[in-house]
Amino acid sequence: MLILILLDTGCRLSEATGLRVCDVDMDNLLVKLTGKGSKDRLVPISFELRKEIFRYMSKEGLKPDDRLVATERGLVLSKRNVLPVWASGPHLFNLQNILL
């Protein structure tokens, strides 16, 4: 889910990991991202990402205040958790030609 959000919105890793379910406007295809300086901005998402988010929320049983992308315990993912996985195997995501 994290990779889909990053690629579809072009947001920063910290913005994607801070997303809550209530930040996604499924009707208008928008997400509210909180960026640097705690500034909020609305970013459009594709219909395909909307479908994937809906499937993911249903499968995981997420509530409105839950984080959309979180650890198994529901905590915030940090760069320290995400970057080693990304750096060790972009082939896992079929993204070999994308550089960090």
Protein backbone atom coordinates (compact mmCIF):
# COMPACT_ATOMS: atom_id res chain seq x y z
CA MET A 1 0.00 0.00 0.00
CA LEU A 2 2.81 2.40 0.88
CA ILE A 3 4.45 2.05 -2.53
CA LEU A 4 1.13 2.66 -4.30
CA ILE A 5 0.49 5.81 -2.29
CA LEU A 6 3.99 7.16 -2.90
CA LEU A 7 3.85 6.53 -6.64
CA ASP A 8 0.29 7.77 -7.15
CA THR A 9 0.51 10.97 -5.11
CA GLY A 10 4.18 11.89 -5.35
CA CYS A 11 4.17 12.62 -1.63
CA ARG A 12 7.07 12.39 0.80
CA LEU A 13 7.61 9.21 2.79
CA SER A 14 6.79 11.05 6.03
CA GLU A 15 3.52 12.30 4.54
CA ALA A 16 2.50 8.82 3.40
CA THR A 17 3.31 7.18 6.73
CA GLY A 18 1.32 9.88 8.55
CA LEU A 19 -1.89 9.25 6.61
CA ARG A 20 -4.98 8.23 8.55
CA VAL A 21 -8.07 6.60 7.09
CA CYS A 22 -10.05 9.80 7.74
CA ASP A 23 -7.58 11.72 5.53
CA VAL A 24 -8.82 9.88 2.43
CA ASP A 25 -11.84 11.39 0.66
CA MET A 26 -13.09 8.42 -1.37
CA ASP A 27 -15.94 10.36 -3.00
CA ASN A 28 -13.78 13.18 -4.38
CA LEU A 29 -10.60 11.12 -4.97
CA LEU A 30 -8.47 13.28 -2.66
CA VAL A 31 -6.08 12.71 0.23
CA LYS A 32 -5.14 15.30 2.83
CA LEU A 33 -1.39 15.24 3.35
CA THR A 34 0.36 16.95 6.23
CA GLY A 35 3.75 18.11 5.01
CA LYS A 36 6.66 20.15 6.26
CA GLY A 37 5.74 22.77 8.82
CA SER A 38 2.46 20.95 9.55
CA LYS A 39 0.95 22.39 6.37
CA ASP A 40 -2.01 20.49 4.95
CA ARG A 41 -2.60 20.05 1.24
CA LEU A 42 -5.12 18.13 -0.81
CA VAL A 43 -3.73 15.81 -3.46
CA PRO A 44 -5.77 13.94 -6.07
CA ILE A 45 -5.56 10.15 -6.26
CA SER A 46 -6.41 7.81 -9.09
CA PHE A 47 -9.51 5.68 -9.19
CA GLU A 48 -7.23 2.60 -9.11
CA LEU A 49 -5.60 3.73 -5.86
CA ARG A 50 -9.05 4.40 -4.42
CA LYS A 51 -10.04 0.79 -5.18
CA GLU A 52 -6.84 -0.54 -3.59
CA ILE A 53 -7.28 1.61 -0.48
CA PHE A 54 -10.88 0.45 -0.13
CA ARG A 55 -9.84 -3.22 -0.46
CA TYR A 56 -7.01 -2.73 2.03
CA MET A 57 -9.26 -0.96 4.55
CA SER A 58 -11.88 -3.71 4.28
CA LYS A 59 -9.32 -6.50 4.58
CA GLU A 60 -7.55 -4.93 7.57
CA GLY A 61 -10.76 -3.74 9.28
CA LEU A 62 -9.43 -0.20 9.68
CA LYS A 63 -11.36 2.44 11.62
CA PRO A 64 -11.43 6.17 10.65
CA ASP A 65 -8.74 7.17 13.14
CA ASP A 66 -6.37 4.28 12.25
CA ARG A 67 -3.20 4.89 10.28
CA LEU A 68 -3.52 3.81 6.66
CA VAL A 69 0.07 2.54 6.60
CA ALA A 70 1.37 1.28 9.92
CA THR A 71 3.35 -1.42 11.66
CA GLU A 72 1.64 -4.64 12.72
CA ARG A 73 0.91 -3.00 16.08
CA GLY A 74 -0.67 0.06 14.43
CA LEU A 75 2.29 2.35 15.11
CA VAL A 76 3.80 4.89 12.71
CA LEU A 77 6.28 3.50 10.20
CA SER A 78 9.54 5.40 10.26
CA LYS A 79 12.17 5.91 7.57
CA ARG A 80 14.36 3.62 9.62
CA ASN A 81 11.83 0.80 9.08
CA VAL A 82 11.05 1.47 5.42
CA LEU A 83 14.31 2.44 3.74
CA PRO A 84 16.30 -0.74 4.49
CA VAL A 85 13.57 -2.84 2.88
CA TRP A 86 13.42 -0.54 -0.14
CA ALA A 87 17.22 -0.33 -0.52
CA SER A 88 17.75 -4.05 -0.13
CA GLY A 89 15.29 -5.10 -2.77
CA PRO A 90 13.61 -2.79 -5.23
CA HIS A 91 13.29 -5.95 -7.33
CA LEU A 92 10.66 -7.06 -4.81
CA PHE A 93 8.45 -4.27 -6.14
CA ASN A 94 9.57 -4.66 -9.78
CA LEU A 95 11.11 -1.18 -9.62
CA GLN A 96 14.77 -1.85 -10.42
CA ASN A 97 15.32 1.34 -12.42
CA ILE A 98 14.09 3.78 -9.77
CA LEU A 99 16.81 5.43 -7.68
CA LEU A 100 16.44 6.77 -4.14
